[in-house]
Amino acid sequence: MARKSTEYYNDNPEAKAKKQRYQAKYNKKPSERKRRSMLIKENRKRGTYGNGDGKDVSHTKDGGTVLEGQTSNRARNRGKK
């Protein structure tokens, strides 16, 4: 079952292209690159990077990291703006 946003972007190719341009620009930001590299480094350190165990390193509110399931980590802020 697809989410409403997925259906919207599949039905509106101009909007999808605009979103992809924005996302590409956002992902190039130095702060985002640093964030991703730090999480990958932590994943490697904990031995969970690329082994298919379904775990992710997630940021906590106090600035630390914690190992948790990919589903809960990646779904936490969906739909909130």
PDB file of N, CA and C in Angstrom:
ATOM      1  N   MET A   1       0.838  -1.184   0.000  1.00  0.00           N
ATOM      2  CA  MET A   1       0.000   0.000   0.000  1.00  0.00           C
ATOM      3  C   MET A   1       0.883   1.247   0.000  1.00  0.00           C
ATOM      4  N   ALA A   2       0.685   2.072  -0.992  1.00  0.00           N
ATOM      5  CA  ALA A   2       1.489   3.284  -1.127  1.00  0.00           C
ATOM      6  C   ALA A   2       0.922   4.401  -0.248  1.00  0.00           C
ATOM      7  N   ARG A   3       1.806   5.253   0.210  1.00  0.00           N
ATOM      8  CA  ARG A   3       1.376   6.418   0.984  1.00  0.00           C
ATOM      9  C   ARG A   3       0.791   7.461   0.046  1.00  0.00           C
ATOM     10  N   LYS A   4       0.041   8.387   0.612  1.00  0.00           N
ATOM     11  CA  LYS A   4      -0.601   9.423  -0.195  1.00  0.00           C
ATOM     12  C   LYS A   4       0.430  10.257  -0.944  1.00  0.00           C
ATOM     13  N   SER A   5       1.549  10.573  -0.280  1.00  0.00           N
ATOM     14  CA  SER A   5       2.555  11.400  -0.948  1.00  0.00           C
ATOM     15  C   SER A   5       3.166  10.661  -2.135  1.00  0.00           C
ATOM     16  N   THR A   6       3.380   9.361  -2.002  1.00  0.00           N
ATOM     17  CA  THR A   6       3.927   8.571  -3.096  1.00  0.00           C
ATOM     18  C   THR A   6       2.975   8.587  -4.278  1.00  0.00           C
ATOM     19  N   GLU A   7       1.705   8.406  -3.992  1.00  0.00           N
ATOM     20  CA  GLU A   7       0.710   8.429  -5.059  1.00  0.00           C
ATOM     21  C   GLU A   7       0.680   9.798  -5.740  1.00  0.00           C
ATOM     22  N   TYR A   8       0.749  10.860  -4.924  1.00  0.00           N
ATOM     23  CA  TYR A   8       0.731  12.221  -5.465  1.00  0.00           C
ATOM     24  C   TYR A   8       1.901  12.437  -6.411  1.00  0.00           C
ATOM     25  N   TYR A   9       3.105  12.109  -5.969  1.00  0.00           N
ATOM     26  CA  TYR A   9       4.288  12.345  -6.791  1.00  0.00           C
ATOM     27  C   TYR A   9       4.318  11.450  -8.028  1.00  0.00           C
ATOM     28  N   ASN A  10       3.750  10.253  -7.934  1.00  0.00           N
ATOM     29  CA  ASN A  10       3.666   9.390  -9.111  1.00  0.00           C
ATOM     30  C   ASN A  10       2.687   9.951 -10.140  1.00  0.00           C
ATOM     31  N   ASP A  11       1.655  10.628  -9.659  1.00  0.00           N
ATOM     32  CA  ASP A  11       0.656  11.217 -10.559  1.00  0.00           C
ATOM     33  C   ASP A  11       1.063  12.586 -11.091  1.00  0.00           C
ATOM     34  N   ASN A  12       2.054  13.236 -10.469  1.00  0.00           N
ATOM     35  CA  ASN A  12       2.470  14.589 -10.845  1.00  0.00           C
ATOM     36  C   ASN A  12       3.971  14.632 -11.088  1.00  0.00           C
ATOM     37  N   PRO A  13       4.409  14.297 -12.299  1.00  0.00           N
ATOM     38  CA  PRO A  13       5.847  14.225 -12.572  1.00  0.00           C
ATOM     39  C   PRO A  13       6.582  15.550 -12.402  1.00  0.00           C
ATOM     40  N   GLU A  14       5.905  16.680 -12.648  1.00  0.00           N
ATOM     41  CA  GLU A  14       6.562  17.986 -12.463  1.00  0.00           C
ATOM     42  C   GLU A  14       6.867  18.214 -10.978  1.00  0.00           C
ATOM     43  N   ALA A  15       5.915  17.879 -10.129  1.00  0.00           N
ATOM     44  CA  ALA A  15       6.107  18.036  -8.691  1.00  0.00           C
ATOM     45  C   ALA A  15       7.189  17.087  -8.196  1.00  0.00           C
ATOM     46  N   LYS A  16       7.215  15.875  -8.745  1.00  0.00           N
ATOM     47  CA  LYS A  16       8.227  14.899  -8.353  1.00  0.00           C
ATOM     48  C   LYS A  16       9.624  15.389  -8.722  1.00  0.00           C
ATOM     49  N   ALA A  17       9.755  15.962  -9.914  1.00  0.00           N
ATOM     50  CA  ALA A  17      11.054  16.484 -10.351  1.00  0.00           C
ATOM     51  C   ALA A  17      11.496  17.639  -9.465  1.00  0.00           C
ATOM     52  N   LYS A  18      10.555  18.508  -9.104  1.00  0.00           N
ATOM     53  CA  LYS A  18      10.866  19.636  -8.227  1.00  0.00           C
ATOM     54  C   LYS A  18      11.329  19.141  -6.856  1.00  0.00           C
ATOM     55  N   LYS A  19      10.646  18.140  -6.329  1.00  0.00           N
ATOM     56  CA  LYS A  19      11.013  17.578  -5.029  1.00  0.00           C
ATOM     57  C   LYS A  19      12.391  16.931  -5.083  1.00  0.00           C
ATOM     58  N   GLN A  20      12.678  16.230  -6.172  1.00  0.00           N
ATOM     59  CA  GLN A  20      13.976  15.581  -6.318  1.00  0.00           C
ATOM     60  C   GLN A  20      15.104  16.603  -6.399  1.00  0.00           C
ATOM     61  N   ARG A  21      14.847  17.737  -7.078  1.00  0.00           N
ATOM     62  CA  ARG A  21      15.860  18.799  -7.137  1.00  0.00           C
ATOM     63  C   ARG A  21      16.110  19.373  -5.738  1.00  0.00           C
ATOM     64  N   TYR A  22      15.031  19.596  -4.998  1.00  0.00           N
ATOM     65  CA  TYR A  22      15.176  20.119  -3.633  1.00  0.00           C
ATOM     66  C   TYR A  22      15.946  19.133  -2.767  1.00  0.00           C
ATOM     67  N   GLN A  23      15.571  17.845  -2.840  1.00  0.00           N
ATOM     68  CA  GLN A  23      16.207  16.840  -1.997  1.00  0.00           C
ATOM     69  C   GLN A  23      17.692  16.702  -2.325  1.00  0.00           C
ATOM     70  N   ALA A  24      18.050  16.776  -3.609  1.00  0.00           N
ATOM     71  CA  ALA A  24      19.447  16.697  -4.003  1.00  0.00           C
ATOM     72  C   ALA A  24      20.240  17.862  -3.421  1.00  0.00           C
ATOM     73  N   LYS A  25      19.648  19.053  -3.467  1.00  0.00           N
ATOM     74  CA  LYS A  25      20.303  20.239  -2.911  1.00  0.00           C
ATOM     75  C   LYS A  25      20.451  20.108  -1.389  1.00  0.00           C
ATOM     76  N   TYR A  26      19.411  19.620  -0.739  1.00  0.00           N
ATOM     77  CA  TYR A  26      19.429  19.452   0.718  1.00  0.00           C
ATOM     78  C   TYR A  26      20.486  18.435   1.138  1.00  0.00           C
ATOM     79  N   ASN A  27      20.579  17.325   0.408  1.00  0.00           N
ATOM     80  CA  ASN A  27      21.520  16.271   0.764  1.00  0.00           C
ATOM     81  C   ASN A  27      22.972  16.683   0.566  1.00  0.00           C
ATOM     82  N   LYS A  28      23.223  17.742  -0.219  1.00  0.00           N
ATOM     83  CA  LYS A  28      24.587  18.222  -0.447  1.00  0.00           C
ATOM     84  C   LYS A  28      25.063  19.183   0.633  1.00  0.00           C
ATOM     85  N   LYS A  29      24.156  19.606   1.508  1.00  0.00           N
ATOM     86  CA  LYS A  29      24.538  20.551   2.554  1.00  0.00           C
ATOM     87  C   LYS A  29      25.629  19.946   3.436  1.00  0.00           C
ATOM     88  N   PRO A  30      26.618  20.735   3.809  1.00  0.00           N
ATOM     89  CA  PRO A  30      27.692  20.216   4.661  1.00  0.00           C
ATOM     90  C   PRO A  30      27.180  19.601   5.960  1.00  0.00           C
ATOM     91  N   SER A  31      26.154  20.188   6.545  1.00  0.00           N
ATOM     92  CA  SER A  31      25.627  19.655   7.799  1.00  0.00           C
ATOM     93  C   SER A  31      25.011  18.268   7.600  1.00  0.00           C
ATOM     94  N   GLU A  32      24.349  18.047   6.474  1.00  0.00           N
ATOM     95  CA  GLU A  32      23.750  16.744   6.196  1.00  0.00           C
ATOM     96  C   GLU A  32      24.819  15.702   5.883  1.00  0.00           C
ATOM     97  N   ARG A  33      25.854  16.110   5.150  1.00  0.00           N
ATOM     98  CA  ARG A  33      26.945  15.184   4.853  1.00  0.00           C
ATOM     99  C   ARG A  33      27.649  14.755   6.138  1.00  0.00           C
ATOM    100  N   LYS A  34      27.866  15.720   7.018  1.00  0.00           N
ATOM    101  CA  LYS A  34      28.522  15.421   8.286  1.00  0.00           C
ATOM    102  C   LYS A  34      27.662  14.478   9.119  1.00  0.00           C
ATOM    103  N   ARG A  35      26.358  14.742   9.151  1.00  0.00           N
ATOM    104  CA  ARG A  35      25.430  13.911   9.915  1.00  0.00           C
ATOM    105  C   ARG A  35      25.438  12.481   9.385  1.00  0.00           C
ATOM    106  N   ARG A  36      25.344  12.318   8.058  1.00  0.00           N
ATOM    107  CA  ARG A  36      25.336  10.980   7.469  1.00  0.00           C
ATOM    108  C   ARG A  36      26.649  10.255   7.728  1.00  0.00           C
ATOM    109  N   SER A  37      27.760  10.956   7.557  1.00  0.00           N
ATOM    110  CA  SER A  37      29.053  10.300   7.741  1.00  0.00           C
ATOM    111  C   SER A  37      29.249   9.866   9.185  1.00  0.00           C
ATOM    112  N   MET A  38      28.763  10.685  10.132  1.00  0.00           N
ATOM    113  CA  MET A  38      28.892  10.326  11.545  1.00  0.00           C
ATOM    114  C   MET A  38      28.060   9.081  11.862  1.00  0.00           C
ATOM    115  N   LEU A  39      26.855   8.997  11.302  1.00  0.00           N
ATOM    116  CA  LEU A  39      26.006   7.837  11.558  1.00  0.00           C
ATOM    117  C   LEU A  39      26.588   6.571  10.928  1.00  0.00           C
ATOM    118  N   ILE A  40      27.145   6.692   9.721  1.00  0.00           N
ATOM    119  CA  ILE A  40      27.763   5.535   9.078  1.00  0.00           C
ATOM    120  C   ILE A  40      28.977   5.072   9.871  1.00  0.00           C
ATOM    121  N   LYS A  41      29.771   6.025  10.329  1.00  0.00           N
ATOM    122  CA  LYS A  41      30.950   5.696  11.130  1.00  0.00           C
ATOM    123  C   LYS A  41      30.540   4.954  12.405  1.00  0.00           C
ATOM    124  N   GLU A  42      29.492   5.441  13.041  1.00  0.00           N
ATOM    125  CA  GLU A  42      28.998   4.799  14.270  1.00  0.00           C
ATOM    126  C   GLU A  42      28.441   3.413  13.967  1.00  0.00           C
ATOM    127  N   ASN A  43      27.748   3.270  12.846  1.00  0.00           N
ATOM    128  CA  ASN A  43      27.227   1.965  12.435  1.00  0.00           C
ATOM    129  C   ASN A  43      28.360   0.969  12.229  1.00  0.00           C
ATOM    130  N   ARG A  44      29.434   1.427  11.584  1.00  0.00           N
ATOM    131  CA  ARG A  44      30.584   0.551  11.361  1.00  0.00           C
ATOM    132  C   ARG A  44      31.221   0.153  12.690  1.00  0.00           C
ATOM    133  N   LYS A  45      31.340   1.129  13.593  1.00  0.00           N
ATOM    134  CA  LYS A  45      31.951   0.874  14.898  1.00  0.00           C
ATOM    135  C   LYS A  45      31.159  -0.171  15.681  1.00  0.00           C
ATOM    136  N   ARG A  46      29.843  -0.119  15.568  1.00  0.00           N
ATOM    137  CA  ARG A  46      28.992  -1.057  16.295  1.00  0.00           C
ATOM    138  C   ARG A  46      28.821  -2.382  15.563  1.00  0.00           C
ATOM    139  N   GLY A  47      29.405  -2.489  14.371  1.00  0.00           N
ATOM    140  CA  GLY A  47      29.375  -3.741  13.630  1.00  0.00           C
ATOM    141  C   GLY A  47      28.050  -4.047  12.970  1.00  0.00           C
ATOM    142  N   THR A  48      27.232  -3.048  12.752  1.00  0.00           N
ATOM    143  CA  THR A  48      25.911  -3.294  12.172  1.00  0.00           C
ATOM    144  C   THR A  48      25.769  -2.729  10.768  1.00  0.00           C
ATOM    145  N   TYR A  49      26.816  -2.108  10.238  1.00  0.00           N
ATOM    146  CA  TYR A  49      26.728  -1.496   8.914  1.00  0.00           C
ATOM    147  C   TYR A  49      26.804  -2.550   7.824  1.00  0.00           C
ATOM    148  N   GLY A  50      25.754  -2.652   7.010  1.00  0.00           N
ATOM    149  CA  GLY A  50      25.747  -3.529   5.857  1.00  0.00           C
ATOM    150  C   GLY A  50      25.586  -5.005   6.145  1.00  0.00           C
ATOM    151  N   ASN A  51      25.228  -5.375   7.361  1.00  0.00           N
ATOM    152  CA  ASN A  51      25.085  -6.798   7.643  1.00  0.00           C
ATOM    153  C   ASN A  51      23.640  -7.276   7.578  1.00  0.00           C
ATOM    154  N   GLY A  52      22.701  -6.374   7.276  1.00  0.00           N
ATOM    155  CA  GLY A  52      21.311  -6.769   7.081  1.00  0.00           C
ATOM    156  C   GLY A  52      20.559  -7.116   8.342  1.00  0.00           C
ATOM    157  N   ASP A  53      21.014  -6.623   9.492  1.00  0.00           N
ATOM    158  CA  ASP A  53      20.339  -6.956  10.748  1.00  0.00           C
ATOM    159  C   ASP A  53      19.127  -6.071  11.043  1.00  0.00           C
ATOM    160  N   GLY A  54      18.867  -5.075  10.179  1.00  0.00           N
ATOM    161  CA  GLY A  54      17.689  -4.227  10.370  1.00  0.00           C
ATOM    162  C   GLY A  54      17.856  -3.180  11.447  1.00  0.00           C
ATOM    163  N   LYS A  55      19.077  -2.885  11.830  1.00  0.00           N
ATOM    164  CA  LYS A  55      19.338  -1.894  12.875  1.00  0.00           C
ATOM    165  C   LYS A  55      19.962  -0.637  12.278  1.00  0.00           C
ATOM    166  N   ASP A  56      19.670   0.500  12.915  1.00  0.00           N
ATOM    167  CA  ASP A  56      20.210   1.800  12.537  1.00  0.00           C
ATOM    168  C   ASP A  56      20.735   2.494  13.785  1.00  0.00           C
ATOM    169  N   VAL A  57      21.674   3.405  13.581  1.00  0.00           N
ATOM    170  CA  VAL A  57      22.090   4.285  14.659  1.00  0.00           C
ATOM    171  C   VAL A  57      21.241   5.544  14.545  1.00  0.00           C
ATOM    172  N   SER A  58      20.615   5.917  15.628  1.00  0.00           N
ATOM    173  CA  SER A  58      19.704   7.051  15.638  1.00  0.00           C
ATOM    174  C   SER A  58      20.205   8.106  16.613  1.00  0.00           C
ATOM    175  N   HIS A  59      19.972   9.382  16.256  1.00  0.00           N
ATOM    176  CA  HIS A  59      20.320  10.465  17.166  1.00  0.00           C
ATOM    177  C   HIS A  59      19.300  10.555  18.291  1.00  0.00           C
ATOM    178  N   THR A  60      19.767  10.917  19.473  1.00  0.00           N
ATOM    179  CA  THR A  60      18.870  11.155  20.595  1.00  0.00           C
ATOM    180  C   THR A  60      18.795  12.651  20.846  1.00  0.00           C
ATOM    181  N   LYS A  61      17.839  13.060  21.660  1.00  0.00           N
ATOM    182  CA  LYS A  61      17.655  14.486  21.916  1.00  0.00           C
ATOM    183  C   LYS A  61      18.833  15.101  22.663  1.00  0.00           C
ATOM    184  N   ASP A  62      19.551  14.296  23.445  1.00  0.00           N
ATOM    185  CA  ASP A  62      20.683  14.842  24.204  1.00  0.00           C
ATOM    186  C   ASP A  62      21.979  14.871  23.399  1.00  0.00           C
ATOM    187  N   GLY A  63      21.902  14.544  22.102  1.00  0.00           N
ATOM    188  CA  GLY A  63      23.070  14.638  21.240  1.00  0.00           C
ATOM    189  C   GLY A  63      23.823  13.345  21.066  1.00  0.00           C
ATOM    190  N   GLY A  64      23.404  12.292  21.738  1.00  0.00           N
ATOM    191  CA  GLY A  64      24.067  11.008  21.610  1.00  0.00           C
ATOM    192  C   GLY A  64      23.451  10.166  20.507  1.00  0.00           C
ATOM    193  N   THR A  65      23.824   8.895  20.489  1.00  0.00           N
ATOM    194  CA  THR A  65      23.253   7.976  19.511  1.00  0.00           C
ATOM    195  C   THR A  65      22.807   6.713  20.223  1.00  0.00           C
ATOM    196  N   VAL A  66      21.871   6.022  19.592  1.00  0.00           N
ATOM    197  CA  VAL A  66      21.370   4.769  20.143  1.00  0.00           C
ATOM    198  C   VAL A  66      21.065   3.838  18.969  1.00  0.00           C
ATOM    199  N   LEU A  67      21.252   2.553  19.169  1.00  0.00           N
ATOM    200  CA  LEU A  67      20.965   1.567  18.143  1.00  0.00           C
ATOM    201  C   LEU A  67      19.500   1.172  18.248  1.00  0.00           C
ATOM    202  N   GLU A  68      18.781   1.267  17.127  1.00  0.00           N
ATOM    203  CA  GLU A  68      17.366   0.883  17.126  1.00  0.00           C
ATOM    204  C   GLU A  68      16.983   0.352  15.764  1.00  0.00           C
ATOM    205  N   GLY A  69      15.797  -0.182  15.676  1.00  0.00           N
ATOM    206  CA  GLY A  69      15.302  -0.747  14.425  1.00  0.00           C
ATOM    207  C   GLY A  69      15.162   0.313  13.347  1.00  0.00           C
ATOM    208  N   GLN A  70      15.449  -0.059  12.109  1.00  0.00           N
ATOM    209  CA  GLN A  70      15.361   0.882  10.993  1.00  0.00           C
ATOM    210  C   GLN A  70      13.959   1.435  10.834  1.00  0.00           C
ATOM    211  N   THR A  71      12.962   0.589  10.994  1.00  0.00           N
ATOM    212  CA  THR A  71      11.584   1.011  10.775  1.00  0.00           C
ATOM    213  C   THR A  71      11.191   2.125  11.711  1.00  0.00           C
ATOM    214  N   SER A  72      11.448   1.957  13.005  1.00  0.00           N
ATOM    215  CA  SER A  72      11.061   2.996  13.966  1.00  0.00           C
ATOM    216  C   SER A  72      11.912   4.246  13.818  1.00  0.00           C
ATOM    217  N   ASN A  73      13.191   4.092  13.489  1.00  0.00           N
ATOM    218  CA  ASN A  73      14.068   5.244  13.329  1.00  0.00           C
ATOM    219  C   ASN A  73      13.662   6.092  12.131  1.00  0.00           C
ATOM    220  N   ARG A  74      13.424   5.448  11.005  1.00  0.00           N
ATOM    221  CA  ARG A  74      13.141   6.183   9.773  1.00  0.00           C
ATOM    222  C   ARG A  74      11.713   6.687   9.699  1.00  0.00           C
ATOM    223  N   ALA A  75      10.815   6.127  10.487  1.00  0.00           N
ATOM    224  CA  ALA A  75       9.411   6.533  10.446  1.00  0.00           C
ATOM    225  C   ALA A  75       9.084   7.601  11.484  1.00  0.00           C
ATOM    226  N   ARG A  76      10.001   7.886  12.367  1.00  0.00           N
ATOM    227  CA  ARG A  76       9.698   8.752  13.512  1.00  0.00           C
ATOM    228  C   ARG A  76       9.150  10.118  13.113  1.00  0.00           C
ATOM    229  N   ASN A  77       9.759  10.783  12.161  1.00  0.00           N
ATOM    230  CA  ASN A  77       9.348  12.142  11.829  1.00  0.00           C
ATOM    231  C   ASN A  77       8.571  12.233  10.528  1.00  0.00           C
ATOM    232  N   ARG A  78       8.055  11.134  10.051  1.00  0.00           N
ATOM    233  CA  ARG A  78       7.284  11.159   8.800  1.00  0.00           C
ATOM    234  C   ARG A  78       6.018  11.978   8.982  1.00  0.00           C
ATOM    235  N   GLY A  79       5.782  12.855   8.047  1.00  0.00           N
ATOM    236  CA  GLY A  79       4.538  13.607   8.038  1.00  0.00           C
ATOM    237  C   GLY A  79       4.485  14.793   8.969  1.00  0.00           C
ATOM    238  N   LYS A  80       5.526  15.036   9.734  1.00  0.00           N
ATOM    239  CA  LYS A  80       5.556  16.186  10.637  1.00  0.00           C
ATOM    240  C   LYS A  80       6.328  17.313   9.986  1.00  0.00           C
ATOM    241  N   LYS A  81       5.828  18.507  10.115  1.00  0.00           N
ATOM    242  CA  LYS A  81       6.541  19.650   9.549  1.00  0.00           C
ATOM    243  C   LYS A  81       6.639  20.745  10.569  1.00  0.00           C
TER     244      LYS A  81
END
